[in-house]
PDB file of all heavy atoms in Angstrom:
ATOM      1  N   THR A   1     -63.940  17.199 -96.047  1.00  0.00           N
ATOM      2  CA  THR A   1     -63.060  17.496 -97.183  1.00  0.00           C
ATOM      3  C   THR A   1     -62.330  18.816 -97.003  1.00  0.00           C
ATOM      4  O   THR A   1     -61.445  19.142 -97.801  1.00  0.00           O
ATOM      5  CB  THR A   1     -63.866  17.551 -98.495  1.00  0.00           C
ATOM      6  OG1 THR A   1     -64.927  18.509 -98.370  1.00  0.00           O
ATOM      7  CG2 THR A   1     -64.466  16.182 -98.809  1.00  0.00           C
ATOM      8  N   ASP A   2     -62.687  19.589 -95.976  1.00  0.00           N
ATOM      9  CA  ASP A   2     -61.990  20.838 -95.700  1.00  0.00           C
ATOM     10  C   ASP A   2     -60.626  20.592 -95.056  1.00  0.00           C
ATOM     11  O   ASP A   2     -59.794  21.510 -94.987  1.00  0.00           O
ATOM     12  CB  ASP A   2     -62.823  21.739 -94.779  1.00  0.00           C
ATOM     13  CG  ASP A   2     -63.235  21.022 -93.498  1.00  0.00           C
ATOM     14  OD1 ASP A   2     -63.954  20.003 -93.591  1.00  0.00           O
ATOM     15  OD2 ASP A   2     -62.844  21.474 -92.400  1.00  0.00           O
ATOM     16  N   LEU A   3     -60.385  19.358 -94.606  1.00  0.00           N
ATOM     17  CA  LEU A   3     -59.116  19.038 -93.953  1.00  0.00           C
ATOM     18  C   LEU A   3     -58.065  18.639 -94.984  1.00  0.00           C
ATOM     19  O   LEU A   3     -58.360  18.018 -96.009  1.00  0.00           O
ATOM     20  CB  LEU A   3     -59.312  17.908 -92.939  1.00  0.00           C
ATOM     21  CG  LEU A   3     -60.305  18.213 -91.809  1.00  0.00           C
ATOM     22  CD1 LEU A   3     -60.397  17.030 -90.858  1.00  0.00           C
ATOM     23  CD2 LEU A   3     -59.901  19.480 -91.047  1.00  0.00           C
ATOM     24  N   GLU A   4     -56.827  18.973 -94.681  1.00  0.00           N
ATOM     25  CA  GLU A   4     -55.736  18.813 -95.644  1.00  0.00           C
ATOM     26  C   GLU A   4     -55.510  17.362 -96.048  1.00  0.00           C
ATOM     27  O   GLU A   4     -55.188  17.073 -97.208  1.00  0.00           O
ATOM     28  CB  GLU A   4     -54.445  19.393 -95.053  1.00  0.00           C
ATOM     29  CG  GLU A   4     -53.279  19.426 -96.028  1.00  0.00           C
ATOM     30  CD  GLU A   4     -52.060  20.097 -95.430  1.00  0.00           C
ATOM     31  OE1 GLU A   4     -52.172  20.690 -94.348  1.00  0.00           O
ATOM     32  OE2 GLU A   4     -50.992  20.017 -96.064  1.00  0.00           O
ATOM     33  N   ASP A   5     -55.667  16.419 -95.119  1.00  0.00           N
ATOM     34  CA  ASP A   5     -55.385  15.020 -95.432  1.00  0.00           C
ATOM     35  C   ASP A   5     -56.631  14.230 -95.831  1.00  0.00           C
ATOM     36  O   ASP A   5     -56.648  13.002 -95.772  1.00  0.00           O
ATOM     37  CB  ASP A   5     -54.693  14.330 -94.249  1.00  0.00           C
ATOM     38  CG  ASP A   5     -55.440  14.520 -92.932  1.00  0.00           C
ATOM     39  OD1 ASP A   5     -56.347  15.375 -92.894  1.00  0.00           O
ATOM     40  OD2 ASP A   5     -55.108  13.831 -91.949  1.00  0.00           O
ATOM     41  N   ALA A   6     -57.670  14.938 -96.284  1.00  0.00           N
ATOM     42  CA  ALA A   6     -58.870  14.254 -96.770  1.00  0.00           C
ATOM     43  C   ALA A   6     -58.546  13.448 -98.026  1.00  0.00           C
ATOM     44  O   ALA A   6     -57.773  13.883 -98.875  1.00  0.00           O
ATOM     45  CB  ALA A   6     -59.971  15.266 -97.063  1.00  0.00           C
ATOM     46  N   ASN A   7     -59.141  12.272 -98.131  1.00  0.00           N
ATOM     47  CA  ASN A   7     -58.916  11.399 -99.285  1.00  0.00           C
ATOM     48  C   ASN A   7     -60.259  10.805 -99.708  1.00  0.00           C
ATOM     49  O   ASN A   7     -60.636   9.716 -99.280  1.00  0.00           O
ATOM     50  CB  ASN A   7     -57.918  10.293 -98.938  1.00  0.00           C
ATOM     51  CG  ASN A   7     -57.506   9.475-100.150  1.00  0.00           C
ATOM     52  OD1 ASN A   7     -58.190   9.466-101.168  1.00  0.00           O
ATOM     53  ND2 ASN A   7     -56.390   8.774-100.041  1.00  0.00           N
ATOM     54  N   VAL A   8     -60.978  11.525-100.544  1.00  0.00           N
ATOM     55  CA  VAL A   8     -62.306  11.097-100.985  1.00  0.00           C
ATOM     56  C   VAL A   8     -62.233   9.823-101.808  1.00  0.00           C
ATOM     57  O   VAL A   8     -63.090   8.942-101.690  1.00  0.00           O
ATOM     58  CB  VAL A   8     -62.990  12.224-101.784  1.00  0.00           C
ATOM     59  CG1 VAL A   8     -64.315  11.745-102.362  1.00  0.00           C
ATOM     60  CG2 VAL A   8     -63.206  13.451-100.902  1.00  0.00           C
ATOM     61  N   GLN A   9     -61.198   9.704-102.614  1.00  0.00           N
ATOM     62  CA  GLN A   9     -61.077   8.533-103.479  1.00  0.00           C
ATOM     63  C   GLN A   9     -60.939   7.252-102.664  1.00  0.00           C
ATOM     64  O   GLN A   9     -61.438   6.192-103.056  1.00  0.00           O
ATOM     65  CB  GLN A   9     -59.872   8.685-104.419  1.00  0.00           C
ATOM     66  CG  GLN A   9     -59.836   7.644-105.534  1.00  0.00           C
ATOM     67  CD  GLN A   9     -61.078   7.675-106.404  1.00  0.00           C
ATOM     68  OE1 GLN A   9     -61.482   8.736-106.878  1.00  0.00           O
ATOM     69  NE2 GLN A   9     -61.697   6.520-106.606  1.00  0.00           N
ATOM     70  N   GLN A  10     -60.273   7.340-101.528  1.00  0.00           N
ATOM     71  CA  GLN A  10     -60.140   6.169-100.667  1.00  0.00           C
ATOM     72  C   GLN A  10     -61.502   5.696-100.174  1.00  0.00           C
ATOM     73  O   GLN A  10     -61.769   4.489-100.106  1.00  0.00           O
ATOM     74  CB  GLN A  10     -59.250   6.512 -99.460  1.00  0.00           C
ATOM     75  CG  GLN A  10     -59.016   5.349 -98.519  1.00  0.00           C
ATOM     76  CD  GLN A  10     -58.031   5.687 -97.415  1.00  0.00           C
ATOM     77  OE1 GLN A  10     -56.990   5.057 -97.265  1.00  0.00           O
ATOM     78  NE2 GLN A  10     -58.365   6.692 -96.616  1.00  0.00           N
ATOM     79  N   VAL A  11     -62.375   6.639 -99.868  1.00  0.00           N
ATOM     80  CA  VAL A  11     -63.730   6.291 -99.454  1.00  0.00           C
ATOM     81  C   VAL A  11     -64.492   5.672-100.617  1.00  0.00           C
ATOM     82  O   VAL A  11     -65.178   4.648-100.469  1.00  0.00           O
ATOM     83  CB  VAL A  11     -64.475   7.534 -98.925  1.00  0.00           C
ATOM     84  CG1 VAL A  11     -65.933   7.204 -98.619  1.00  0.00           C
ATOM     85  CG2 VAL A  11     -63.783   8.086 -97.683  1.00  0.00           C
ATOM     86  N   ALA A  12     -64.383   6.283-101.790  1.00  0.00           N
ATOM     87  CA  ALA A  12     -65.076   5.762-102.969  1.00  0.00           C
ATOM     88  C   ALA A  12     -64.604   4.352-103.314  1.00  0.00           C
ATOM     89  O   ALA A  12     -65.399   3.500-103.724  1.00  0.00           O
ATOM     90  CB  ALA A  12     -64.862   6.701-104.155  1.00  0.00           C
ATOM     91  N   ASN A  13     -63.311   4.095-103.146  1.00  0.00           N
ATOM     92  CA  ASN A  13     -62.758   2.776-103.464  1.00  0.00           C
ATOM     93  C   ASN A  13     -63.214   1.705-102.482  1.00  0.00           C
ATOM     94  O   ASN A  13     -63.258   0.519-102.822  1.00  0.00           O
ATOM     95  CB  ASN A  13     -61.232   2.836-103.470  1.00  0.00           C
ATOM     96  CG  ASN A  13     -60.677   3.646-104.621  1.00  0.00           C
ATOM     97  OD1 ASN A  13     -61.384   3.897-105.611  1.00  0.00           O
ATOM     98  ND2 ASN A  13     -59.428   4.076-104.510  1.00  0.00           N
ATOM     99  N   ALA A  14     -63.549   2.120-101.264  1.00  0.00           N
ATOM    100  CA  ALA A  14     -63.943   1.150-100.240  1.00  0.00           C
ATOM    101  C   ALA A  14     -65.274   0.495-100.577  1.00  0.00           C
ATOM    102  O   ALA A  14     -65.460  -0.707-100.332  1.00  0.00           O
ATOM    103  CB  ALA A  14     -64.025   1.832 -98.873  1.00  0.00           C
ATOM    104  N   PHE A  15     -66.198   1.289-101.132  1.00  0.00           N
ATOM    105  CA  PHE A  15     -67.528   0.764-101.444  1.00  0.00           C
ATOM    106  C   PHE A  15     -67.942   1.223-102.839  1.00  0.00           C
ATOM    107  O   PHE A  15     -68.842   2.064-102.992  1.00  0.00           O
ATOM    108  CB  PHE A  15     -68.538   1.224-100.393  1.00  0.00           C
ATOM    109  CG  PHE A  15     -68.134   0.863 -98.985  1.00  0.00           C
ATOM    110  CD1 PHE A  15     -67.611   1.819 -98.130  1.00  0.00           C
ATOM    111  CD2 PHE A  15     -68.243  -0.446 -98.534  1.00  0.00           C
ATOM    112  CE1 PHE A  15     -67.223   1.483 -96.842  1.00  0.00           C
ATOM    113  CE2 PHE A  15     -67.856  -0.792 -97.254  1.00  0.00           C
ATOM    114  CZ  PHE A  15     -67.332   0.170 -96.403  1.00  0.00           C
ATOM    115  N   PRO A  16     -67.295   0.681-103.870  1.00  0.00           N
ATOM    116  CA  PRO A  16     -67.531   1.155-105.239  1.00  0.00           C
ATOM    117  C   PRO A  16     -68.936   0.868-105.758  1.00  0.00           C
ATOM    118  O   PRO A  16     -69.355   1.441-106.765  1.00  0.00           O
ATOM    119  CB  PRO A  16     -66.472   0.400-106.051  1.00  0.00           C
ATOM    120  CG  PRO A  16     -66.180  -0.830-105.248  1.00  0.00           C
ATOM    121  CD  PRO A  16     -66.303  -0.405-103.817  1.00  0.00           C
ATOM    122  N   GLN A  17     -69.656  -0.014-105.082  1.00  0.00           N
ATOM    123  CA  GLN A  17     -71.021  -0.337-105.518  1.00  0.00           C
ATOM    124  C   GLN A  17     -72.019   0.758-105.165  1.00  0.00           C
ATOM    125  O   GLN A  17     -73.177   0.701-105.590  1.00  0.00           O
ATOM    126  CB  GLN A  17     -71.470  -1.675-104.911  1.00  0.00           C
ATOM    127  CG  GLN A  17     -71.722  -1.677-103.406  1.00  0.00           C
ATOM    128  CD  GLN A  17     -70.470  -1.960-102.586  1.00  0.00           C
ATOM    129  OE1 GLN A  17     -69.366  -1.531-102.934  1.00  0.00           O
ATOM    130  NE2 GLN A  17     -70.641  -2.659-101.478  1.00  0.00           N
ATOM    131  N   HIS A  18     -71.571   1.740-104.379  1.00  0.00           N
ATOM    132  CA  HIS A  18     -72.454   2.837-103.976  1.00  0.00           C
ATOM    133  C   HIS A  18     -71.832   4.174-104.356  1.00  0.00           C
ATOM    134  O   HIS A  18     -70.603   4.314-104.387  1.00  0.00           O
ATOM    135  CB  HIS A  18     -72.707   2.789-102.464  1.00  0.00           C
ATOM    136  CG  HIS A  18     -73.327   1.514-102.002  1.00  0.00           C
ATOM    137  ND1 HIS A  18     -74.608   1.144-102.330  1.00  0.00           N
ATOM    138  CD2 HIS A  18     -72.826   0.495-101.247  1.00  0.00           C
ATOM    139  CE1 HIS A  18     -74.884  -0.030-101.802  1.00  0.00           C
ATOM    140  NE2 HIS A  18     -73.827  -0.447-101.131  1.00  0.00           N
ATOM    141  N   GLU A  19     -72.702   5.136-104.600  1.00  0.00           N
ATOM    142  CA  GLU A  19     -72.215   6.466-104.966  1.00  0.00           C
ATOM    143  C   GLU A  19     -71.641   7.178-103.746  1.00  0.00           C
ATOM    144  O   GLU A  19     -72.216   7.121-102.654  1.00  0.00           O
ATOM    145  CB  GLU A  19     -73.342   7.289-105.572  1.00  0.00           C
ATOM    146  CG  GLU A  19     -72.890   8.637-106.098  1.00  0.00           C
ATOM    147  CD  GLU A  19     -73.896   9.275-107.033  1.00  0.00           C
ATOM    148  OE1 GLU A  19     -75.011   8.747-107.157  1.00  0.00           O
ATOM    149  OE2 GLU A  19     -73.559  10.311-107.640  1.00  0.00           O
ATOM    150  N   THR A  20     -70.502   7.834-103.936  1.00  0.00           N
ATOM    151  CA  THR A  20     -69.867   8.602-102.866  1.00  0.00           C
ATOM    152  C   THR A  20     -69.919  10.088-103.207  1.00  0.00           C
ATOM    153  O   THR A  20     -69.540  10.498-104.300  1.00  0.00           O
ATOM    154  CB  THR A  20     -68.406   8.164-102.666  1.00  0.00           C
ATOM    155  OG1 THR A  20     -68.371   6.806-102.223  1.00  0.00           O
ATOM    156  CG2 THR A  20     -67.709   9.036-101.639  1.00  0.00           C
ATOM    157  N   VAL A  21     -70.384  10.871-102.251  1.00  0.00           N
ATOM    158  CA  VAL A  21     -70.490  12.320-102.442  1.00  0.00           C
ATOM    159  C   VAL A  21     -69.555  13.014-101.458  1.00  0.00           C
ATOM    160  O   VAL A  21     -69.660  12.805-100.251  1.00  0.00           O
ATOM    161  CB  VAL A  21     -71.941  12.798-102.207  1.00  0.00           C
ATOM    162  CG1 VAL A  21     -72.039  14.311-102.401  1.00  0.00           C
ATOM    163  CG2 VAL A  21     -72.905  12.076-103.134  1.00  0.00           C
ATOM    164  N   PRO A  22     -68.621  13.836-101.936  1.00  0.00           N
ATOM    165  CA  PRO A  22     -67.730  14.562-101.025  1.00  0.00           C
ATOM    166  C   PRO A  22     -68.430  15.786-100.444  1.00  0.00           C
ATOM    167  O   PRO A  22     -69.258  16.415-101.104  1.00  0.00           O
ATOM    168  CB  PRO A  22     -66.571  14.974-101.934  1.00  0.00           C
ATOM    169  CG  PRO A  22     -67.195  15.112-103.286  1.00  0.00           C
ATOM    170  CD  PRO A  22     -68.288  14.075-103.349  1.00  0.00           C
ATOM    171  N   LEU A  23     -68.077  16.125 -99.202  1.00  0.00           N
ATOM    172  CA  LEU A  23     -68.643  17.328 -98.599  1.00  0.00           C
ATOM    173  C   LEU A  23     -67.858  17.702 -97.345  1.00  0.00           C
ATOM    174  O   LEU A  23     -67.098  16.891 -96.808  1.00  0.00           O
ATOM    175  CB  LEU A  23     -70.103  17.126 -98.209  1.00  0.00           C
ATOM    176  CG  LEU A  23     -70.373  16.331 -96.913  1.00  0.00           C
ATOM    177  CD1 LEU A  23     -71.662  16.787 -96.271  1.00  0.00           C
ATOM    178  CD2 LEU A  23     -70.405  14.848 -97.191  1.00  0.00           C
ATOM    179  N   SER A  24     -68.088  18.922 -96.909  1.00  0.00           N
ATOM    180  CA  SER A  24     -67.696  19.336 -95.567  1.00  0.00           C
ATOM    181  C   SER A  24     -68.954  19.851 -94.890  1.00  0.00           C
ATOM    182  O   SER A  24     -69.433  20.950 -95.193  1.00  0.00           O
ATOM    183  CB  SER A  24     -66.626  20.433 -95.603  1.00  0.00           C
ATOM    184  OG  SER A  24     -66.469  20.985 -94.303  1.00  0.00           O
ATOM    185  N   ALA A  25     -69.510  19.030 -93.994  1.00  0.00           N
ATOM    186  CA  ALA A  25     -70.721  19.446 -93.288  1.00  0.00           C
ATOM    187  C   ALA A  25     -70.442  20.660 -92.406  1.00  0.00           C
ATOM    188  O   ALA A  25     -71.307  21.521 -92.222  1.00  0.00           O
ATOM    189  CB  ALA A  25     -71.258  18.289 -92.455  1.00  0.00           C
ATOM    190  N   LEU A  26     -69.230  20.735 -91.872  1.00  0.00           N
ATOM    191  CA  LEU A  26     -68.862  21.847 -90.994  1.00  0.00           C
ATOM    192  C   LEU A  26     -68.815  23.160 -91.755  1.00  0.00           C
ATOM    193  O   LEU A  26     -69.353  24.180 -91.300  1.00  0.00           O
ATOM    194  CB  LEU A  26     -67.508  21.572 -90.340  1.00  0.00           C
ATOM    195  CG  LEU A  26     -66.990  22.637 -89.370  1.00  0.00           C
ATOM    196  CD1 LEU A  26     -67.913  22.740 -88.159  1.00  0.00           C
ATOM    197  CD2 LEU A  26     -65.565  22.316 -88.927  1.00  0.00           C
ATOM    198  N   GLU A  27     -68.195  23.147 -92.927  1.00  0.00           N
ATOM    199  CA  GLU A  27     -68.028  24.371 -93.706  1.00  0.00           C
ATOM    200  C   GLU A  27     -69.179  24.599 -94.691  1.00  0.00           C
ATOM    201  O   GLU A  27     -69.297  25.688 -95.265  1.00  0.00           O
ATOM    202  CB  GLU A  27     -66.702  24.321 -94.483  1.00  0.00           C
ATOM    203  CG  GLU A  27     -65.465  24.221 -93.607  1.00  0.00           C
ATOM    204  CD  GLU A  27     -65.261  25.465 -92.761  1.00  0.00           C
ATOM    205  OE1 GLU A  27     -65.716  26.552 -93.184  1.00  0.00           O
ATOM    206  OE2 GLU A  27     -64.648  25.363 -91.682  1.00  0.00           O
ATOM    207  N   GLY A  28     -69.985  23.581 -94.916  1.00  0.00           N
ATOM    208  CA  GLY A  28     -71.083  23.707 -95.869  1.00  0.00           C
ATOM    209  C   GLY A  28     -70.655  23.540 -97.314  1.00  0.00           C
ATOM    210  O   GLY A  28     -71.382  23.964 -98.233  1.00  0.00           O
ATOM    211  N   ASN A  29     -69.514  22.917 -97.533  1.00  0.00           N
ATOM    212  CA  ASN A  29     -69.008  22.729 -98.893  1.00  0.00           C
ATOM    213  C   ASN A  29     -69.755  21.611 -99.620  1.00  0.00           C
ATOM    214  O   ASN A  29     -69.977  20.532 -99.062  1.00  0.00           O
ATOM    215  CB  ASN A  29     -67.519  22.397 -98.871  1.00  0.00           C
ATOM    216  CG  ASN A  29     -66.678  23.517 -98.273  1.00  0.00           C
ATOM    217  OD1 ASN A  29     -67.130  24.665 -98.215  1.00  0.00           O
ATOM    218  ND2 ASN A  29     -65.477  23.199 -97.830  1.00  0.00           N
ATOM    219  N   ASN A  30     -70.137  21.872-100.846  1.00  0.00           N
ATOM    220  CA  ASN A  30     -70.770  20.904-101.755  1.00  0.00           C
ATOM    221  C   ASN A  30     -72.165  20.482-101.282  1.00  0.00           C
ATOM    222  O   ASN A  30     -72.644  19.402-101.649  1.00  0.00           O
ATOM    223  CB  ASN A  30     -69.902  19.661-101.950  1.00  0.00           C
ATOM    224  CG  ASN A  30     -70.215  18.942-103.257  1.00  0.00           C
ATOM    225  OD1 ASN A  30     -70.467  19.581-104.288  1.00  0.00           O
ATOM    226  ND2 ASN A  30     -70.216  17.611-103.235  1.00  0.00           N
ATOM    227  N   MET A  31     -72.845  21.313-100.528  1.00  0.00           N
ATOM    228  CA  MET A  31     -74.172  20.942-100.038  1.00  0.00           C
ATOM    229  C   MET A  31     -75.225  20.930-101.146  1.00  0.00           C
ATOM    230  O   MET A  31     -76.229  20.227-101.041  1.00  0.00           O
ATOM    231  CB  MET A  31     -74.602  21.874 -98.915  1.00  0.00           C
ATOM    232  CG  MET A  31     -73.769  21.736 -97.636  1.00  0.00           C
ATOM    233  SD  MET A  31     -73.697  20.044 -96.994  1.00  0.00           S
ATOM    234  CE  MET A  31     -75.418  19.724 -96.612  1.00  0.00           C
ATOM    235  N   ASP A  32     -74.987  21.687-102.223  1.00  0.00           N
ATOM    236  CA  ASP A  32     -75.935  21.631-103.343  1.00  0.00           C
ATOM    237  C   ASP A  32     -76.027  20.215-103.893  1.00  0.00           C
ATOM    238  O   ASP A  32     -77.125  19.694-104.137  1.00  0.00           O
ATOM    239  CB  ASP A  32     -75.515  22.603-104.454  1.00  0.00           C
ATOM    240  CG  ASP A  32     -75.853  24.044-104.127  1.00  0.00           C
ATOM    241  OD1 ASP A  32     -76.718  24.260-103.249  1.00  0.00           O
ATOM    242  OD2 ASP A  32     -75.254  24.951-104.733  1.00  0.00           O
ATOM    243  N   GLU A  33     -74.867  19.581-104.104  1.00  0.00           N
ATOM    244  CA  GLU A  33     -74.878  18.201-104.608  1.00  0.00           C
ATOM    245  C   GLU A  33     -75.469  17.250-103.572  1.00  0.00           C
ATOM    246  O   GLU A  33     -76.188  16.308-103.922  1.00  0.00           O
ATOM    247  CB  GLU A  33     -73.470  17.740-104.990  1.00  0.00           C
ATOM    248  CG  GLU A  33     -73.468  16.340-105.600  1.00  0.00           C
ATOM    249  CD  GLU A  33     -72.085  15.856-106.004  1.00  0.00           C
ATOM    250  OE1 GLU A  33     -71.098  16.579-105.785  1.00  0.00           O
ATOM    251  OE2 GLU A  33     -71.990  14.725-106.539  1.00  0.00           O
ATOM    252  N   VAL A  34     -75.165  17.489-102.306  1.00  0.00           N
ATOM    253  CA  VAL A  34     -75.734  16.658-101.236  1.00  0.00           C
ATOM    254  C   VAL A  34     -77.256  16.662-101.316  1.00  0.00           C
ATOM    255  O   VAL A  34     -77.904  15.601-101.292  1.00  0.00           O
ATOM    256  CB  VAL A  34     -75.263  17.160 -99.854  1.00  0.00           C
ATOM    257  CG1 VAL A  34     -76.103  16.537 -98.739  1.00  0.00           C
ATOM    258  CG2 VAL A  34     -73.794  16.831 -99.646  1.00  0.00           C
ATOM    259  N   TYR A  35     -77.855  17.833-101.441  1.00  0.00           N
ATOM    260  CA  TYR A  35     -79.315  17.920-101.473  1.00  0.00           C
ATOM    261  C   TYR A  35     -79.892  17.373-102.781  1.00  0.00           C
ATOM    262  O   TYR A  35     -80.969  16.763-102.778  1.00  0.00           O
ATOM    263  CB  TYR A  35     -79.759  19.365-101.243  1.00  0.00           C
ATOM    264  CG  TYR A  35     -79.412  19.866 -99.861  1.00  0.00           C
ATOM    265  CD1 TYR A  35     -78.909  21.144 -99.654  1.00  0.00           C
ATOM    266  CD2 TYR A  35     -79.598  19.047 -98.749  1.00  0.00           C
ATOM    267  CE1 TYR A  35     -78.593  21.600 -98.388  1.00  0.00           C
ATOM    268  CE2 TYR A  35     -79.273  19.495 -97.475  1.00  0.00           C
ATOM    269  CZ  TYR A  35     -78.775  20.767 -97.299  1.00  0.00           C
ATOM    270  OH  TYR A  35     -78.441  21.205 -96.030  1.00  0.00           O
ATOM    271  N   ASP A  36     -79.158  17.560-103.871  1.00  0.00           N
ATOM    272  CA  ASP A  36     -79.589  16.961-105.148  1.00  0.00           C
ATOM    273  C   ASP A  36     -79.691  15.439-105.006  1.00  0.00           C
ATOM    274  O   ASP A  36     -80.663  14.820-105.448  1.00  0.00           O
ATOM    275  CB  ASP A  36     -78.598  17.298-106.262  1.00  0.00           C
ATOM    276  CG  ASP A  36     -78.687  18.747-106.719  1.00  0.00           C
ATOM    277  OD1 ASP A  36     -79.677  19.435-106.364  1.00  0.00           O
ATOM    278  OD2 ASP A  36     -77.758  19.201-107.416  1.00  0.00           O
ATOM    279  N   LYS A  37     -78.676  14.851-104.399  1.00  0.00           N
ATOM    280  CA  LYS A  37     -78.634  13.392-104.273  1.00  0.00           C
ATOM    281  C   LYS A  37     -79.687  12.895-103.277  1.00  0.00           C
ATOM    282  O   LYS A  37     -80.281  11.823-103.484  1.00  0.00           O
ATOM    283  CB  LYS A  37     -77.238  12.944-103.849  1.00  0.00           C
ATOM    284  CG  LYS A  37     -76.169  13.170-104.893  1.00  0.00           C
ATOM    285  CD  LYS A  37     -76.489  12.428-106.186  1.00  0.00           C
ATOM    286  CE  LYS A  37     -75.410  12.649-107.247  1.00  0.00           C
ATOM    287  NZ  LYS A  37     -75.744  11.953-108.530  1.00  0.00           N
ATOM    288  N   ILE A  38     -79.910  13.609-102.192  1.00  0.00           N
ATOM    289  CA  ILE A  38     -80.938  13.202-101.234  1.00  0.00           C
ATOM    290  C   ILE A  38     -82.315  13.175-101.917  1.00  0.00           C
ATOM    291  O   ILE A  38     -83.091  12.229-101.760  1.00  0.00           O
ATOM    292  CB  ILE A  38     -80.957  14.136-100.013  1.00  0.00           C
ATOM    293  CG1 ILE A  38     -79.701  13.909 -99.155  1.00  0.00           C
ATOM    294  CG2 ILE A  38     -82.214  13.908 -99.172  1.00  0.00           C
ATOM    295  CD1 ILE A  38     -79.570  14.866 -97.992  1.00  0.00           C
ATOM    296  N   ALA A  39     -82.608  14.223-102.692  1.00  0.00           N
ATOM    297  CA  ALA A  39     -83.886  14.267-103.408  1.00  0.00           C
ATOM    298  C   ALA A  39     -83.977  13.146-104.436  1.00  0.00           C
ATOM    299  O   ALA A  39     -85.039  12.533-104.604  1.00  0.00           O
ATOM    300  CB  ALA A  39     -84.047  15.634-104.071  1.00  0.00           C
TER     301      ALA A  39
END
């Protein structure tokens, strides 16, 4: 999601039956939510 042409909604629309969590693993963005969801 750190990249300019990121489109999270497109990913969410592809598999609406599952929860989609945005993140940048490289930059560490939104990792709090990532760990909340893993737990």
